[in-house]
Amino acid sequence: VLARKISVEERKLMAKTLAKEFDFKLYTISNTERFPEICNCGPVDFAKQAPLVFNGSKINIYVTPRAIRSGVPLRVLEIMACQGFVLVNYQEDLAKEFEEGKELVMYRSLDEMVEKIRYYLEHEEERQAIARAGYEKVIREYNYAAKLRKILEQRPSGVIQHMRNSF
């Protein structure tokens, strides 16, 4: 419960801060009437509209909820699969899977987030190259065939042989 509350408060502070300085759009079902500086675009249809939002946004910001401590967030992969540029809070598992500054960009504080937004808004070619590299990695390594191959390679040889004979 506490982790959820902290996440909500951090997101409010982030949204208010970014809305004051940038053309910041928030896509959410949450009521933001108490925060008139935030441009709430409402919810989007995930299958039809979200890929267009991810691809059409110069910077997609993902804030991992505090309760999640490990793993690669699916939303980060979805943004990258739509050729979107991702700015995400630092997470060890993301740093292991993706090359920071080449395939995605991570921040460690609100101040660093703001600095990186300024930088990447001014460096469009670099931002597009990072989005393209992230897209290529997700398409290459985050598909069912690639993940199943990796799982099978980590199993004892008898299990692999049995599974190969089953297909």
N, C-alpha and C. Protein backbone atom coordinates (compact mmCIF):
# COMPACT_ATOMS: atom_id res chain seq x y z
N VAL A 1 0.83 -1.19 0.00
CA VAL A 1 0.00 0.00 0.00
C VAL A 1 0.88 1.26 0.00
N LEU A 2 1.91 1.24 0.83
CA LEU A 2 2.80 2.39 0.92
C LEU A 2 3.54 2.62 -0.41
N ALA A 3 4.01 1.54 -1.03
CA ALA A 3 4.72 1.66 -2.31
C ALA A 3 3.80 2.27 -3.37
N ARG A 4 2.54 1.87 -3.38
CA ARG A 4 1.58 2.41 -4.34
C ARG A 4 1.38 3.91 -4.11
N LYS A 5 1.21 4.32 -2.86
CA LYS A 5 1.02 5.73 -2.52
C LYS A 5 2.24 6.56 -2.92
N ILE A 6 3.42 6.05 -2.66
CA ILE A 6 4.64 6.77 -3.04
C ILE A 6 4.71 6.92 -4.56
N SER A 7 4.37 5.85 -5.28
CA SER A 7 4.37 5.91 -6.75
C SER A 7 3.42 6.99 -7.26
N VAL A 8 2.23 7.04 -6.69
CA VAL A 8 1.24 8.04 -7.10
C VAL A 8 1.76 9.46 -6.86
N GLU A 9 2.33 9.69 -5.68
CA GLU A 9 2.83 11.02 -5.34
C GLU A 9 4.01 11.41 -6.23
N GLU A 10 4.90 10.47 -6.51
CA GLU A 10 6.03 10.74 -7.41
C GLU A 10 5.54 11.10 -8.81
N ARG A 11 4.56 10.37 -9.29
CA ARG A 11 4.02 10.64 -10.63
C ARG A 11 3.34 12.00 -10.70
N LYS A 12 2.63 12.38 -9.65
CA LYS A 12 2.00 13.70 -9.62
C LYS A 12 3.05 14.80 -9.70
N LEU A 13 4.09 14.67 -8.87
CA LEU A 13 5.16 15.67 -8.87
C LEU A 13 5.84 15.74 -10.23
N MET A 14 6.12 14.58 -10.80
CA MET A 14 6.75 14.53 -12.12
C MET A 14 5.87 15.21 -13.16
N ALA A 15 4.59 14.87 -13.22
CA ALA A 15 3.69 15.42 -14.22
C ALA A 15 3.57 16.94 -14.08
N LYS A 16 3.42 17.41 -12.84
CA LYS A 16 3.31 18.86 -12.61
C LYS A 16 4.60 19.58 -13.03
N THR A 17 5.73 19.00 -12.71
CA THR A 17 7.02 19.61 -13.05
C THR A 17 7.20 19.67 -14.56
N LEU A 18 6.92 18.57 -15.24
CA LEU A 18 7.12 18.52 -16.69
C LEU A 18 6.12 19.41 -17.43
N ALA A 19 4.88 19.47 -16.93
CA ALA A 19 3.86 20.30 -17.57
C ALA A 19 4.21 21.78 -17.53
N LYS A 20 4.94 22.19 -16.51
CA LYS A 20 5.32 23.61 -16.39
C LYS A 20 6.38 24.00 -17.41
N GLU A 21 7.20 23.04 -17.82
CA GLU A 21 8.34 23.37 -18.68
C GLU A 21 8.22 22.88 -20.12
N PHE A 22 7.47 21.82 -20.36
CA PHE A 22 7.42 21.20 -21.67
C PHE A 22 5.99 21.06 -22.17
N ASP A 23 5.87 20.71 -23.45
CA ASP A 23 4.57 20.35 -24.03
C ASP A 23 4.30 18.91 -23.60
N PHE A 24 3.81 18.77 -22.39
CA PHE A 24 3.66 17.47 -21.74
C PHE A 24 2.21 17.01 -21.85
N LYS A 25 2.02 15.83 -22.40
CA LYS A 25 0.68 15.26 -22.51
C LYS A 25 0.63 13.97 -21.71
N LEU A 26 -0.44 13.82 -20.94
CA LEU A 26 -0.63 12.65 -20.11
C LEU A 26 -1.85 11.90 -20.62
N TYR A 27 -1.69 10.62 -20.86
CA TYR A 27 -2.79 9.76 -21.32
C TYR A 27 -3.19 8.89 -20.14
N THR A 28 -4.33 9.20 -19.53
CA THR A 28 -4.73 8.50 -18.31
C THR A 28 -6.23 8.60 -18.10
N ILE A 29 -6.76 7.65 -17.34
CA ILE A 29 -8.15 7.73 -16.92
C ILE A 29 -8.27 8.50 -15.60
N SER A 30 -7.14 8.80 -14.98
CA SER A 30 -7.14 9.50 -13.70
C SER A 30 -7.68 10.92 -13.84
N ASN A 31 -8.34 11.38 -12.81
CA ASN A 31 -8.86 12.73 -12.78
C ASN A 31 -7.72 13.68 -12.38
N THR A 32 -7.40 14.60 -13.27
CA THR A 32 -6.32 15.55 -13.01
C THR A 32 -6.85 16.99 -12.92
N GLU A 33 -8.13 17.16 -12.67
CA GLU A 33 -8.73 18.50 -12.59
C GLU A 33 -8.05 19.39 -11.56
N ARG A 34 -7.52 18.81 -10.49
CA ARG A 34 -6.83 19.60 -9.46
C ARG A 34 -5.49 20.13 -9.95
N PHE A 35 -5.07 19.69 -11.12
CA PHE A 35 -3.78 20.09 -11.67
C PHE A 35 -3.99 20.67 -13.07
N PRO A 36 -4.46 21.91 -13.17
CA PRO A 36 -4.80 22.48 -14.47
C PRO A 36 -3.63 22.61 -15.43
N GLU A 37 -2.41 22.59 -14.91
CA GLU A 37 -1.24 22.69 -15.79
C GLU A 37 -0.99 21.41 -16.60
N ILE A 38 -1.61 20.31 -16.19
CA ILE A 38 -1.42 19.02 -16.87
C ILE A 38 -2.42 18.88 -18.00
N CYS A 39 -1.94 18.58 -19.18
CA CYS A 39 -2.79 18.32 -20.34
C CYS A 39 -3.16 16.84 -20.34
N ASN A 40 -4.33 16.53 -19.81
CA ASN A 40 -4.80 15.15 -19.73
C ASN A 40 -5.55 14.83 -21.01
N CYS A 41 -4.98 13.96 -21.82
CA CYS A 41 -5.58 13.58 -23.11
C CYS A 41 -6.56 12.43 -22.96
N GLY A 42 -6.74 11.94 -21.74
CA GLY A 42 -7.67 10.85 -21.52
C GLY A 42 -7.05 9.51 -21.88
N PRO A 43 -7.84 8.46 -21.77
CA PRO A 43 -7.32 7.13 -22.10
C PRO A 43 -7.23 6.92 -23.61
N VAL A 44 -6.40 5.97 -24.00
CA VAL A 44 -6.31 5.59 -25.42
C VAL A 44 -6.64 4.11 -25.56
N ASP A 45 -7.19 3.75 -26.68
CA ASP A 45 -7.43 2.34 -26.99
C ASP A 45 -6.06 1.70 -27.19
N PHE A 46 -5.75 0.71 -26.36
CA PHE A 46 -4.39 0.18 -26.38
C PHE A 46 -4.01 -0.44 -27.72
N ALA A 47 -4.91 -1.17 -28.34
CA ALA A 47 -4.58 -1.85 -29.60
C ALA A 47 -4.51 -0.88 -30.78
N LYS A 48 -5.35 0.14 -30.80
CA LYS A 48 -5.43 1.01 -31.97
C LYS A 48 -4.68 2.32 -31.83
N GLN A 49 -4.78 2.95 -30.66
CA GLN A 49 -4.20 4.28 -30.51
C GLN A 49 -2.84 4.30 -29.82
N ALA A 50 -2.61 3.41 -28.86
CA ALA A 50 -1.35 3.45 -28.11
C ALA A 50 -0.11 3.35 -29.01
N PRO A 51 -0.09 2.44 -30.00
CA PRO A 51 1.10 2.40 -30.87
C PRO A 51 1.36 3.73 -31.58
N LEU A 52 0.29 4.44 -31.94
CA LEU A 52 0.45 5.74 -32.60
C LEU A 52 0.99 6.78 -31.62
N VAL A 53 0.52 6.74 -30.38
CA VAL A 53 1.02 7.65 -29.36
C VAL A 53 2.49 7.36 -29.07
N PHE A 54 2.83 6.08 -28.89
CA PHE A 54 4.23 5.70 -28.60
C PHE A 54 5.15 6.14 -29.73
N ASN A 55 4.73 5.89 -30.97
CA ASN A 55 5.56 6.22 -32.12
C ASN A 55 5.61 7.71 -32.39
N GLY A 56 4.51 8.41 -32.16
CA GLY A 56 4.43 9.83 -32.49
C GLY A 56 4.96 10.77 -31.42
N SER A 57 5.22 10.27 -30.22
CA SER A 57 5.74 11.12 -29.15
C SER A 57 7.25 11.23 -29.27
N LYS A 58 7.77 12.41 -29.08
CA LYS A 58 9.22 12.57 -29.14
C LYS A 58 9.88 11.80 -28.00
N ILE A 59 9.27 11.86 -26.81
CA ILE A 59 9.82 11.15 -25.65
C ILE A 59 8.66 10.48 -24.91
N ASN A 60 8.78 9.18 -24.70
CA ASN A 60 7.83 8.42 -23.90
C ASN A 60 8.46 8.17 -22.55
N ILE A 61 7.79 8.63 -21.50
CA ILE A 61 8.33 8.48 -20.15
C ILE A 61 7.60 7.33 -19.47
N TYR A 62 8.37 6.42 -18.91
CA TYR A 62 7.77 5.33 -18.13
C TYR A 62 8.36 5.38 -16.73
N VAL A 63 7.47 5.42 -15.75
CA VAL A 63 7.87 5.41 -14.34
C VAL A 63 7.43 4.08 -13.76
N THR A 64 8.38 3.26 -13.39
CA THR A 64 8.07 1.95 -12.82
C THR A 64 7.46 2.12 -11.44
N PRO A 65 6.32 1.48 -11.19
CA PRO A 65 5.74 1.54 -9.84
C PRO A 65 6.74 1.03 -8.81
N ARG A 66 6.76 1.64 -7.64
CA ARG A 66 7.71 1.29 -6.58
C ARG A 66 7.62 -0.17 -6.14
N ALA A 67 6.45 -0.76 -6.26
CA ALA A 67 6.28 -2.15 -5.82
C ALA A 67 7.01 -3.13 -6.73
N ILE A 68 7.34 -2.71 -7.95
CA ILE A 68 8.05 -3.59 -8.88
C ILE A 68 9.54 -3.35 -8.71
N ARG A 69 10.25 -4.40 -8.31
CA ARG A 69 11.67 -4.24 -8.01
C ARG A 69 12.59 -4.94 -9.01
N SER A 70 12.04 -5.78 -9.85
CA SER A 70 12.90 -6.48 -10.81
C SER A 70 12.11 -6.76 -12.08
N GLY A 71 12.85 -7.15 -13.09
CA GLY A 71 12.23 -7.49 -14.37
C GLY A 71 12.27 -6.33 -15.34
N VAL A 72 11.90 -6.63 -16.57
CA VAL A 72 11.83 -5.63 -17.63
C VAL A 72 10.35 -5.31 -17.83
N PRO A 73 9.95 -4.06 -17.61
CA PRO A 73 8.54 -3.71 -17.75
C PRO A 73 8.03 -3.92 -19.18
N LEU A 74 6.91 -4.59 -19.30
CA LEU A 74 6.31 -4.84 -20.61
C LEU A 74 6.06 -3.54 -21.35
N ARG A 75 5.62 -2.51 -20.64
CA ARG A 75 5.33 -1.23 -21.31
C ARG A 75 6.56 -0.66 -22.01
N VAL A 76 7.73 -0.83 -21.41
CA VAL A 76 8.97 -0.35 -22.04
C VAL A 76 9.18 -1.09 -23.36
N LEU A 77 8.97 -2.40 -23.37
CA LEU A 77 9.12 -3.18 -24.60
C LEU A 77 8.08 -2.77 -25.64
N GLU A 78 6.86 -2.50 -25.19
CA GLU A 78 5.79 -2.09 -26.12
C GLU A 78 6.14 -0.76 -26.79
N ILE A 79 6.64 0.18 -26.02
CA ILE A 79 7.03 1.48 -26.58
C ILE A 79 8.14 1.28 -27.60
N MET A 80 9.15 0.49 -27.23
CA MET A 80 10.27 0.26 -28.14
C MET A 80 9.83 -0.47 -29.40
N ALA A 81 8.89 -1.40 -29.27
CA ALA A 81 8.38 -2.15 -30.43
C ALA A 81 7.62 -1.25 -31.40
N CYS A 82 7.18 -0.09 -30.92
CA CYS A 82 6.49 0.89 -31.77
C CYS A 82 7.46 1.96 -32.29
N GLN A 83 8.75 1.72 -32.11
CA GLN A 83 9.81 2.64 -32.51
C GLN A 83 9.76 3.95 -31.73
N GLY A 84 9.30 3.85 -30.48
CA GLY A 84 9.25 5.03 -29.63
C GLY A 84 10.52 5.17 -28.80
N PHE A 85 10.87 6.39 -28.51
CA PHE A 85 12.01 6.69 -27.65
C PHE A 85 11.54 6.55 -26.21
N VAL A 86 12.31 5.81 -25.39
CA VAL A 86 11.92 5.55 -24.00
C VAL A 86 12.88 6.23 -23.04
N LEU A 87 12.29 6.98 -22.10
CA LEU A 87 13.01 7.54 -20.96
C LEU A 87 12.38 6.90 -19.73
N VAL A 88 13.16 6.12 -19.00
CA VAL A 88 12.62 5.31 -17.91
C VAL A 88 13.51 5.45 -16.68
N ASN A 89 12.90 5.31 -15.50
CA ASN A 89 13.70 5.36 -14.28
C ASN A 89 14.69 4.19 -14.27
N TYR A 90 15.86 4.42 -13.67
CA TYR A 90 16.91 3.40 -13.64
C TYR A 90 16.41 2.14 -12.92
N GLN A 91 16.69 1.01 -13.56
CA GLN A 91 16.40 -0.30 -12.98
C GLN A 91 17.54 -1.23 -13.39
N GLU A 92 18.02 -1.97 -12.44
CA GLU A 92 19.17 -2.84 -12.70
C GLU A 92 18.90 -3.82 -13.84
N ASP A 93 17.73 -4.44 -13.85
CA ASP A 93 17.42 -5.42 -14.89
C ASP A 93 17.37 -4.79 -16.28
N LEU A 94 16.88 -3.56 -16.37
CA LEU A 94 16.90 -2.87 -17.66
C LEU A 94 18.33 -2.58 -18.10
N ALA A 95 19.17 -2.18 -17.14
CA ALA A 95 20.57 -1.88 -17.44
C ALA A 95 21.32 -3.13 -17.91
N LYS A 96 20.89 -4.30 -17.45
CA LYS A 96 21.50 -5.56 -17.88
C LYS A 96 21.06 -5.94 -19.30
N GLU A 97 19.83 -5.61 -19.63
CA GLU A 97 19.24 -6.03 -20.91
C GLU A 97 19.49 -5.05 -22.06
N PHE A 98 19.56 -3.77 -21.73
CA PHE A 98 19.67 -2.74 -22.76
C PHE A 98 20.84 -1.82 -22.48
N GLU A 99 21.44 -1.35 -23.56
CA GLU A 99 22.57 -0.44 -23.43
C GLU A 99 22.04 0.99 -23.26
N GLU A 100 22.29 1.54 -22.08
CA GLU A 100 21.80 2.88 -21.76
C GLU A 100 22.46 3.91 -22.68
N GLY A 101 21.63 4.78 -23.23
CA GLY A 101 22.12 5.80 -24.13
C GLY A 101 22.25 5.33 -25.56
N LYS A 102 22.05 4.05 -25.78
CA LYS A 102 22.09 3.51 -27.14
C LYS A 102 20.74 2.93 -27.55
N GLU A 103 20.06 2.23 -26.62
CA GLU A 103 18.78 1.58 -26.94
C GLU A 103 17.61 2.17 -26.16
N LEU A 104 17.92 2.78 -25.05
CA LEU A 104 16.95 3.52 -24.23
C LEU A 104 17.74 4.44 -23.33
N VAL A 105 17.02 5.31 -22.62
CA VAL A 105 17.69 6.26 -21.72
C VAL A 105 17.03 6.14 -20.35
N MET A 106 17.87 6.14 -19.31
CA MET A 106 17.37 6.03 -17.94
C MET A 106 17.74 7.28 -17.14
N TYR A 107 16.91 7.57 -16.16
CA TYR A 107 17.17 8.67 -15.25
C TYR A 107 17.13 8.15 -13.82
N ARG A 108 17.77 8.89 -12.92
CA ARG A 108 17.84 8.47 -11.52
C ARG A 108 17.18 9.46 -10.57
N SER A 109 16.75 10.61 -11.08
CA SER A 109 16.08 11.62 -10.25
C SER A 109 15.22 12.49 -11.16
N LEU A 110 14.33 13.24 -10.56
CA LEU A 110 13.48 14.15 -11.34
C LEU A 110 14.33 15.20 -12.05
N ASP A 111 15.33 15.72 -11.38
CA ASP A 111 16.22 16.71 -12.00
C ASP A 111 16.94 16.13 -13.21
N GLU A 112 17.42 14.89 -13.08
CA GLU A 112 18.10 14.25 -14.20
C GLU A 112 17.12 13.99 -15.33
N MET A 113 15.87 13.62 -15.01
CA MET A 113 14.86 13.42 -16.04
C MET A 113 14.67 14.70 -16.85
N VAL A 114 14.51 15.81 -16.16
CA VAL A 114 14.31 17.10 -16.83
C VAL A 114 15.50 17.44 -17.72
N GLU A 115 16.71 17.24 -17.21
CA GLU A 115 17.93 17.49 -18.00
C GLU A 115 17.94 16.64 -19.26
N LYS A 116 17.60 15.37 -19.12
CA LYS A 116 17.64 14.47 -20.28
C LYS A 116 16.53 14.79 -21.27
N ILE A 117 15.39 15.23 -20.80
CA ILE A 117 14.33 15.65 -21.72
C ILE A 117 14.81 16.85 -22.53
N ARG A 118 15.37 17.84 -21.86
CA ARG A 118 15.91 19.01 -22.57
C ARG A 118 16.93 18.58 -23.63
N TYR A 119 17.85 17.73 -23.21
CA TYR A 119 18.92 17.29 -24.11
C TYR A 119 18.35 16.59 -25.34
N TYR A 120 17.48 15.60 -25.13
CA TYR A 120 17.00 14.80 -26.26
C TYR A 120 15.99 15.54 -27.12
N LEU A 121 15.33 16.55 -26.60
CA LEU A 121 14.48 17.38 -27.45
C LEU A 121 15.34 18.22 -28.40
N GLU A 122 16.54 18.56 -27.96
CA GLU A 122 17.45 19.35 -28.78
C GLU A 122 18.32 18.51 -29.70
N HIS A 123 18.38 17.20 -29.50
CA HIS A 123 19.23 16.31 -30.29
C HIS A 123 18.38 15.24 -30.95
N GLU A 124 17.63 15.68 -31.95
CA GLU A 124 16.65 14.80 -32.60
C GLU A 124 17.28 13.58 -33.27
N GLU A 125 18.37 13.76 -33.98
CA GLU A 125 19.00 12.62 -34.66
C GLU A 125 19.45 11.56 -33.67
N GLU A 126 20.03 12.00 -32.57
CA GLU A 126 20.48 11.06 -31.54
C GLU A 126 19.28 10.34 -30.91
N ARG A 127 18.22 11.10 -30.65
CA ARG A 127 17.00 10.52 -30.08
C ARG A 127 16.41 9.48 -31.03
N GLN A 128 16.36 9.79 -32.30
CA GLN A 128 15.81 8.85 -33.29
C GLN A 128 16.69 7.61 -33.43
N ALA A 129 18.00 7.79 -33.35
CA ALA A 129 18.91 6.64 -33.45
C ALA A 129 18.73 5.70 -32.25
N ILE A 130 18.52 6.25 -31.07
CA ILE A 130 18.28 5.43 -29.88
C ILE A 130 16.96 4.68 -30.02
N ALA A 131 15.92 5.36 -30.48
CA ALA A 131 14.63 4.70 -30.67
C ALA A 131 14.75 3.57 -31.70
N ARG A 132 15.49 3.81 -32.77
CA ARG A 132 15.67 2.79 -33.80
C ARG A 132 16.45 1.59 -33.27
N ALA A 133 17.51 1.84 -32.51
CA ALA A 133 18.31 0.74 -31.94
C ALA A 133 17.49 -0.06 -30.93
N GLY A 134 16.69 0.61 -30.13
CA GLY A 134 15.82 -0.09 -29.18
C GLY A 134 14.80 -0.96 -29.91
N TYR A 135 14.21 -0.41 -30.95
CA TYR A 135 13.25 -1.16 -31.78
C TYR A 135 13.90 -2.42 -32.36
N GLU A 136 15.07 -2.25 -32.94
CA GLU A 136 15.76 -3.39 -33.57
C GLU A 136 16.07 -4.47 -32.54
N LYS A 137 16.50 -4.10 -31.35
CA LYS A 137 16.80 -5.10 -30.32
C LYS A 137 15.54 -5.82 -29.87
N VAL A 138 14.46 -5.08 -29.64
CA VAL A 138 13.21 -5.71 -29.20
C VAL A 138 12.70 -6.68 -30.26
N ILE A 139 12.71 -6.27 -31.51
CA ILE A 139 12.23 -7.14 -32.59
C ILE A 139 13.11 -8.38 -32.71
N ARG A 140 14.41 -8.20 -32.54
CA ARG A 140 15.36 -9.31 -32.69
C ARG A 140 15.34 -10.26 -31.49
N GLU A 141 15.26 -9.73 -30.27
CA GLU A 141 15.47 -10.56 -29.08
C GLU A 141 14.25 -10.78 -28.20
N TYR A 142 13.20 -10.02 -28.39
CA TYR A 142 12.02 -10.14 -27.54
C TYR A 142 10.82 -10.64 -28.32
N ASN A 143 11.00 -11.79 -28.93
CA ASN A 143 9.91 -12.46 -29.62
C ASN A 143 9.84 -13.88 -29.09
N TYR A 144 8.74 -14.56 -29.34
CA TYR A 144 8.56 -15.90 -28.77
C TYR A 144 9.65 -16.88 -29.17
N ALA A 145 10.04 -16.87 -30.43
CA ALA A 145 11.05 -17.82 -30.89
C ALA A 145 12.39 -17.58 -30.18
N ALA A 146 12.80 -16.33 -30.09
CA ALA A 146 14.09 -16.01 -29.45
C ALA A 146 14.05 -16.35 -27.96
N LYS A 147 12.96 -16.03 -27.29
CA LYS A 147 12.87 -16.31 -25.85
C LYS A 147 12.78 -17.81 -25.57
N LEU A 148 12.04 -18.54 -26.38
CA LEU A 148 11.94 -20.00 -26.21
C LEU A 148 13.31 -20.64 -26.44
N ARG A 149 14.04 -20.18 -27.44
CA ARG A 149 15.38 -20.69 -27.71
C ARG A 149 16.28 -20.47 -26.49
N LYS A 150 16.20 -19.28 -25.89
CA LYS A 150 17.02 -18.95 -24.72
C LYS A 150 16.65 -19.84 -23.53
N ILE A 151 15.36 -20.08 -23.34
CA ILE A 151 14.91 -20.95 -22.25
C ILE A 151 15.44 -22.36 -22.46
N LEU A 152 15.33 -22.86 -23.68
CA LEU A 152 15.78 -24.22 -23.97
C LEU A 152 17.29 -24.36 -23.81
N GLU A 153 18.03 -23.33 -24.14
CA GLU A 153 19.49 -23.37 -23.98
C GLU A 153 19.91 -23.42 -22.52
N GLN A 154 19.07 -22.97 -21.63
CA GLN A 154 19.40 -22.95 -20.21
C GLN A 154 18.99 -24.23 -19.49
N ARG A 155 18.33 -25.14 -20.16
CA ARG A 155 17.87 -26.39 -19.56
C ARG A 155 18.93 -27.47 -19.70
N PRO A 156 18.89 -28.47 -18.82
CA PRO A 156 19.80 -29.62 -18.97
C PRO A 156 19.57 -30.30 -20.33
N SER A 157 20.60 -30.88 -20.88
CA SER A 157 20.53 -31.43 -22.24
C SER A 157 19.42 -32.46 -22.44
N GLY A 158 19.14 -33.29 -21.46
CA GLY A 158 18.06 -34.28 -21.60
C GLY A 158 16.70 -33.63 -21.80
N VAL A 159 16.47 -32.52 -21.11
CA VAL A 159 15.20 -31.80 -21.24
C VAL A 159 15.09 -31.19 -22.62
N ILE A 160 16.19 -30.62 -23.10
CA ILE A 160 16.18 -30.02 -24.43
C ILE A 160 15.87 -31.08 -25.48
N GLN A 161 16.54 -32.23 -25.39
CA GLN A 161 16.32 -33.29 -26.37
C GLN A 161 14.87 -33.75 -26.33
N HIS A 162 14.30 -33.93 -25.13
CA HIS A 162 12.91 -34.35 -25.01
C HIS A 162 11.99 -33.31 -25.64
N MET A 163 12.26 -32.03 -25.39
CA MET A 163 11.40 -30.99 -25.94
C MET A 163 11.55 -30.89 -27.44
N ARG A 164 12.75 -31.08 -27.97
CA ARG A 164 12.95 -31.05 -29.42
C ARG A 164 12.18 -32.18 -30.09
N ASN A 165 12.16 -33.33 -29.44
CA ASN A 165 11.43 -34.47 -30.01
C ASN A 165 9.92 -34.28 -29.93
N SER A 166 9.48 -33.38 -29.08
CA SER A 166 8.04 -33.16 -28.90
C SER A 166 7.47 -32.22 -29.94
N PHE A 167 8.30 -31.45 -30.62
CA PHE A 167 7.79 -30.45 -31.57
C PHE A 167 7.71 -31.01 -32.97
